[in-house]
Amino acid sequence: MSTVLITGGHKGVGLEAVRRIASQGNNDLLLAGRNMAEVKAVIDELATKYGVKIKGVNLDVSSMASVRSVAASTRDMVDRGEIAPLQVLLLNAGAQFLGPIR
């Protein structure tokens, strides 16, 4: 058993990827996103429909402090046995940059 961490897995293309992975039932899932209400709704849907072990973490990829915090909490979840060790990173989160390039 391994864990798939996916950023932006609570909507759009990321959500479709997460649904496919969950339907296979052979991986734990860790959903990372900024809107925890949306992440929680997906967690509830997938846990109910597929019975997979799935967790969510609040991640803002534009903040290195947030990235470090998620890395530490993920390590803690693995150490406590809440999720299997990470084997796959699906870095799906997008960003929008407005204004001039600098």
N, C-alpha and C. Protein backbone atom coordinates (compact mmCIF):
# COMPACT_ATOMS: atom_id res chain seq x y z
N MET A 1 0.85 -1.18 0.00
CA MET A 1 0.00 0.00 0.00
C MET A 1 0.89 1.23 0.00
N SER A 2 0.48 2.23 -0.74
CA SER A 2 1.20 3.50 -0.77
C SER A 2 0.20 4.64 -0.76
N THR A 3 0.72 5.84 -0.62
CA THR A 3 -0.13 7.03 -0.61
C THR A 3 0.18 7.88 -1.83
N VAL A 4 -0.90 8.38 -2.43
CA VAL A 4 -0.81 9.34 -3.53
C VAL A 4 -1.20 10.69 -2.97
N LEU A 5 -0.29 11.67 -3.03
CA LEU A 5 -0.60 13.05 -2.65
C LEU A 5 -0.91 13.81 -3.93
N ILE A 6 -2.07 14.46 -3.96
CA ILE A 6 -2.44 15.24 -5.13
C ILE A 6 -2.85 16.64 -4.71
N THR A 7 -2.25 17.62 -5.35
CA THR A 7 -2.64 19.00 -5.12
C THR A 7 -3.77 19.33 -6.08
N GLY A 8 -4.72 20.11 -5.61
CA GLY A 8 -5.85 20.49 -6.46
C GLY A 8 -6.75 19.32 -6.82
N GLY A 9 -6.79 18.31 -5.98
CA GLY A 9 -7.60 17.13 -6.27
C GLY A 9 -9.06 17.26 -5.90
N HIS A 10 -9.48 18.45 -5.57
CA HIS A 10 -10.87 18.64 -5.14
C HIS A 10 -11.74 19.31 -6.21
N LYS A 11 -11.16 19.57 -7.39
CA LYS A 11 -11.98 20.12 -8.48
C LYS A 11 -11.28 19.90 -9.82
N GLY A 12 -12.04 20.03 -10.88
CA GLY A 12 -11.48 19.97 -12.24
C GLY A 12 -10.81 18.66 -12.57
N VAL A 13 -9.72 18.76 -13.32
CA VAL A 13 -8.97 17.59 -13.77
C VAL A 13 -8.44 16.79 -12.58
N GLY A 14 -7.99 17.49 -11.54
CA GLY A 14 -7.49 16.81 -10.34
C GLY A 14 -8.55 15.94 -9.70
N LEU A 15 -9.78 16.43 -9.64
CA LEU A 15 -10.88 15.65 -9.05
C LEU A 15 -11.14 14.38 -9.86
N GLU A 16 -11.11 14.50 -11.17
CA GLU A 16 -11.32 13.30 -12.00
C GLU A 16 -10.19 12.29 -11.79
N ALA A 17 -8.97 12.78 -11.66
CA ALA A 17 -7.84 11.88 -11.39
C ALA A 17 -8.02 11.17 -10.05
N VAL A 18 -8.41 11.92 -9.03
CA VAL A 18 -8.61 11.35 -7.70
C VAL A 18 -9.72 10.31 -7.72
N ARG A 19 -10.79 10.58 -8.43
CA ARG A 19 -11.88 9.59 -8.51
C ARG A 19 -11.40 8.30 -9.15
N ARG A 20 -10.60 8.40 -10.20
CA ARG A 20 -10.08 7.20 -10.86
C ARG A 20 -9.15 6.42 -9.94
N ILE A 21 -8.27 7.14 -9.26
CA ILE A 21 -7.34 6.47 -8.33
C ILE A 21 -8.12 5.80 -7.20
N ALA A 22 -9.10 6.51 -6.65
CA ALA A 22 -9.90 5.95 -5.55
C ALA A 22 -10.66 4.71 -6.00
N SER A 23 -11.14 4.71 -7.22
CA SER A 23 -11.92 3.56 -7.70
C SER A 23 -11.09 2.29 -7.80
N GLN A 24 -9.76 2.44 -7.90
CA GLN A 24 -8.88 1.27 -7.95
C GLN A 24 -8.69 0.65 -6.57
N GLY A 25 -8.84 1.48 -5.52
CA GLY A 25 -8.83 0.99 -4.15
C GLY A 25 -7.53 0.46 -3.61
N ASN A 26 -6.42 0.70 -4.28
CA ASN A 26 -5.16 0.13 -3.79
C ASN A 26 -4.16 1.17 -3.30
N ASN A 27 -4.61 2.40 -3.08
CA ASN A 27 -3.75 3.46 -2.55
C ASN A 27 -4.50 4.29 -1.52
N ASP A 28 -3.76 4.77 -0.54
CA ASP A 28 -4.29 5.83 0.31
C ASP A 28 -4.18 7.13 -0.47
N LEU A 29 -5.01 8.09 -0.12
CA LEU A 29 -4.99 9.39 -0.81
C LEU A 29 -4.79 10.51 0.20
N LEU A 30 -4.04 11.51 -0.21
CA LEU A 30 -3.85 12.72 0.56
C LEU A 30 -4.14 13.89 -0.37
N LEU A 31 -5.28 14.57 -0.11
CA LEU A 31 -5.69 15.70 -0.94
C LEU A 31 -5.19 16.98 -0.32
N ALA A 32 -4.52 17.80 -1.12
CA ALA A 32 -3.99 19.07 -0.65
C ALA A 32 -4.66 20.20 -1.42
N GLY A 33 -5.22 21.16 -0.68
CA GLY A 33 -5.88 22.29 -1.34
C GLY A 33 -6.07 23.44 -0.36
N ARG A 34 -6.45 24.58 -0.92
CA ARG A 34 -6.65 25.78 -0.09
C ARG A 34 -8.05 25.85 0.50
N ASN A 35 -9.02 25.26 -0.16
CA ASN A 35 -10.40 25.34 0.30
C ASN A 35 -10.76 24.02 1.00
N MET A 36 -10.60 24.01 2.32
CA MET A 36 -10.80 22.75 3.04
C MET A 36 -12.25 22.28 3.04
N ALA A 37 -13.21 23.19 2.87
CA ALA A 37 -14.60 22.76 2.76
C ALA A 37 -14.79 21.92 1.50
N GLU A 38 -14.19 22.34 0.40
CA GLU A 38 -14.28 21.58 -0.84
C GLU A 38 -13.50 20.27 -0.74
N VAL A 39 -12.33 20.32 -0.14
CA VAL A 39 -11.52 19.11 0.06
C VAL A 39 -12.29 18.11 0.91
N LYS A 40 -12.90 18.58 1.99
CA LYS A 40 -13.67 17.70 2.89
C LYS A 40 -14.84 17.04 2.16
N ALA A 41 -15.52 17.79 1.30
CA ALA A 41 -16.64 17.21 0.54
C ALA A 41 -16.17 16.07 -0.35
N VAL A 42 -15.03 16.24 -0.98
CA VAL A 42 -14.47 15.18 -1.84
C VAL A 42 -14.05 13.99 -0.99
N ILE A 43 -13.43 14.26 0.15
CA ILE A 43 -13.03 13.17 1.06
C ILE A 43 -14.25 12.35 1.46
N ASP A 44 -15.31 13.02 1.85
CA ASP A 44 -16.53 12.31 2.25
C ASP A 44 -17.09 11.48 1.09
N GLU A 45 -17.14 12.08 -0.10
CA GLU A 45 -17.66 11.37 -1.29
C GLU A 45 -16.86 10.11 -1.57
N LEU A 46 -15.54 10.24 -1.62
CA LEU A 46 -14.69 9.11 -2.01
C LEU A 46 -14.62 8.04 -0.93
N ALA A 47 -14.58 8.45 0.32
CA ALA A 47 -14.55 7.47 1.41
C ALA A 47 -15.84 6.65 1.42
N THR A 48 -16.96 7.31 1.18
CA THR A 48 -18.25 6.62 1.16
C THR A 48 -18.38 5.72 -0.06
N LYS A 49 -18.04 6.23 -1.22
CA LYS A 49 -18.24 5.49 -2.46
C LYS A 49 -17.25 4.34 -2.65
N TYR A 50 -15.97 4.57 -2.28
CA TYR A 50 -14.94 3.59 -2.56
C TYR A 50 -14.31 2.96 -1.33
N GLY A 51 -14.57 3.50 -0.15
CA GLY A 51 -14.01 2.95 1.07
C GLY A 51 -12.50 3.12 1.19
N VAL A 52 -11.95 4.11 0.53
CA VAL A 52 -10.50 4.33 0.58
C VAL A 52 -10.11 5.13 1.81
N LYS A 53 -8.86 4.97 2.23
CA LYS A 53 -8.31 5.79 3.31
C LYS A 53 -7.86 7.09 2.67
N ILE A 54 -8.45 8.20 3.13
CA ILE A 54 -8.18 9.48 2.50
C ILE A 54 -8.13 10.58 3.56
N LYS A 55 -7.15 11.43 3.43
CA LYS A 55 -6.96 12.56 4.34
C LYS A 55 -6.86 13.84 3.51
N GLY A 56 -7.03 14.97 4.18
CA GLY A 56 -6.88 16.26 3.53
C GLY A 56 -5.93 17.15 4.31
N VAL A 57 -5.23 18.00 3.59
CA VAL A 57 -4.34 18.97 4.21
C VAL A 57 -4.54 20.32 3.53
N ASN A 58 -4.44 21.36 4.35
CA ASN A 58 -4.60 22.73 3.85
C ASN A 58 -3.26 23.19 3.30
N LEU A 59 -3.21 23.43 1.98
CA LEU A 59 -1.96 23.79 1.32
C LEU A 59 -2.17 24.98 0.40
N ASP A 60 -1.33 25.99 0.59
CA ASP A 60 -1.26 27.13 -0.33
C ASP A 60 0.11 27.06 -0.98
N VAL A 61 0.16 26.62 -2.24
CA VAL A 61 1.44 26.40 -2.91
C VAL A 61 2.22 27.69 -3.14
N SER A 62 1.60 28.83 -2.96
CA SER A 62 2.32 30.10 -3.11
C SER A 62 3.07 30.48 -1.84
N SER A 63 2.92 29.70 -0.79
CA SER A 63 3.56 29.98 0.50
C SER A 63 4.50 28.84 0.88
N MET A 64 5.79 29.13 0.94
CA MET A 64 6.75 28.09 1.34
C MET A 64 6.51 27.64 2.78
N ALA A 65 6.02 28.53 3.62
CA ALA A 65 5.68 28.13 4.99
C ALA A 65 4.58 27.08 4.98
N SER A 66 3.58 27.26 4.12
CA SER A 66 2.50 26.29 3.99
C SER A 66 3.03 24.96 3.46
N VAL A 67 3.90 25.02 2.47
CA VAL A 67 4.49 23.80 1.90
C VAL A 67 5.28 23.04 2.96
N ARG A 68 6.08 23.76 3.73
CA ARG A 68 6.86 23.11 4.80
C ARG A 68 5.95 22.50 5.87
N SER A 69 4.88 23.22 6.20
CA SER A 69 3.95 22.72 7.20
C SER A 69 3.28 21.42 6.73
N VAL A 70 2.87 21.39 5.47
CA VAL A 70 2.24 20.18 4.93
C VAL A 70 3.25 19.04 4.88
N ALA A 71 4.48 19.33 4.52
CA ALA A 71 5.52 18.29 4.50
C ALA A 71 5.68 17.69 5.90
N ALA A 72 5.74 18.54 6.92
CA ALA A 72 5.90 18.06 8.30
C ALA A 72 4.68 17.26 8.75
N SER A 73 3.48 17.76 8.45
CA SER A 73 2.28 17.03 8.89
C SER A 73 2.12 15.71 8.14
N THR A 74 2.54 15.68 6.88
CA THR A 74 2.49 14.43 6.11
C THR A 74 3.44 13.41 6.72
N ARG A 75 4.64 13.85 7.05
CA ARG A 75 5.62 12.97 7.70
C ARG A 75 5.05 12.42 9.01
N ASP A 76 4.38 13.28 9.77
CA ASP A 76 3.77 12.85 11.03
C ASP A 76 2.66 11.82 10.80
N MET A 77 1.83 12.04 9.77
CA MET A 77 0.75 11.07 9.46
C MET A 77 1.33 9.71 9.10
N VAL A 78 2.42 9.71 8.33
CA VAL A 78 3.07 8.45 7.97
C VAL A 78 3.64 7.79 9.23
N ASP A 79 4.33 8.56 10.06
CA ASP A 79 4.93 8.02 11.29
C ASP A 79 3.88 7.42 12.22
N ARG A 80 2.69 8.04 12.28
CA ARG A 80 1.61 7.54 13.15
C ARG A 80 0.81 6.41 12.50
N GLY A 81 1.08 6.11 11.24
CA GLY A 81 0.37 5.04 10.54
C GLY A 81 -0.99 5.45 10.00
N GLU A 82 -1.26 6.75 9.96
CA GLU A 82 -2.55 7.23 9.45
C GLU A 82 -2.63 7.07 7.94
N ILE A 83 -1.49 7.17 7.26
CA ILE A 83 -1.41 6.95 5.82
C ILE A 83 -0.15 6.14 5.56
N ALA A 84 -0.14 5.44 4.43
CA ALA A 84 1.05 4.70 4.02
C ALA A 84 2.10 5.70 3.52
N PRO A 85 3.34 5.26 3.41
CA PRO A 85 4.38 6.16 2.89
C PRO A 85 4.03 6.69 1.49
N LEU A 86 4.45 7.92 1.24
CA LEU A 86 4.21 8.53 -0.07
C LEU A 86 5.01 7.81 -1.15
N GLN A 87 4.35 7.52 -2.24
CA GLN A 87 5.00 6.93 -3.40
C GLN A 87 4.76 7.75 -4.66
N VAL A 88 3.68 8.55 -4.64
CA VAL A 88 3.30 9.30 -5.83
C VAL A 88 2.92 10.72 -5.45
N LEU A 89 3.45 11.68 -6.20
CA LEU A 89 3.05 13.09 -6.09
C LEU A 89 2.42 13.49 -7.41
N LEU A 90 1.16 13.91 -7.36
CA LEU A 90 0.49 14.47 -8.53
C LEU A 90 0.33 15.96 -8.27
N LEU A 91 1.22 16.75 -8.83
CA LEU A 91 1.26 18.18 -8.56
C LEU A 91 0.42 18.89 -9.61
N ASN A 92 -0.87 18.93 -9.33
CA ASN A 92 -1.87 19.39 -10.26
C ASN A 92 -2.30 20.83 -10.03
N ALA A 93 -1.99 21.40 -8.88
CA ALA A 93 -2.49 22.73 -8.54
C ALA A 93 -2.00 23.75 -9.55
N GLY A 94 -2.88 24.64 -9.91
CA GLY A 94 -2.53 25.69 -10.85
C GLY A 94 -2.33 27.01 -10.14
N ALA A 95 -1.80 27.94 -10.86
CA ALA A 95 -1.60 29.28 -10.31
C ALA A 95 -1.92 30.30 -11.39
N GLN A 96 -2.35 31.44 -10.96
CA GLN A 96 -2.64 32.52 -11.88
C GLN A 96 -1.85 33.74 -11.42
N PHE A 97 -1.06 34.29 -12.31
CA PHE A 97 -0.24 35.44 -11.99
C PHE A 97 -0.73 36.62 -12.80
N LEU A 98 -1.21 37.63 -12.10
CA LEU A 98 -1.72 38.81 -12.75
C LEU A 98 -0.68 39.93 -12.68
N GLY A 99 -0.67 40.75 -13.67
CA GLY A 99 0.27 41.88 -13.65
C GLY A 99 1.52 41.57 -14.45
N PRO A 100 2.42 42.53 -14.46
CA PRO A 100 3.64 42.37 -15.26
C PRO A 100 4.60 41.35 -14.64
N ILE A 101 5.39 40.74 -15.50
CA ILE A 101 6.41 39.82 -15.04
C ILE A 101 7.52 40.63 -14.40
N ARG A 102 8.01 40.18 -13.26
CA ARG A 102 9.10 40.89 -12.59
C ARG A 102 10.07 39.93 -11.98
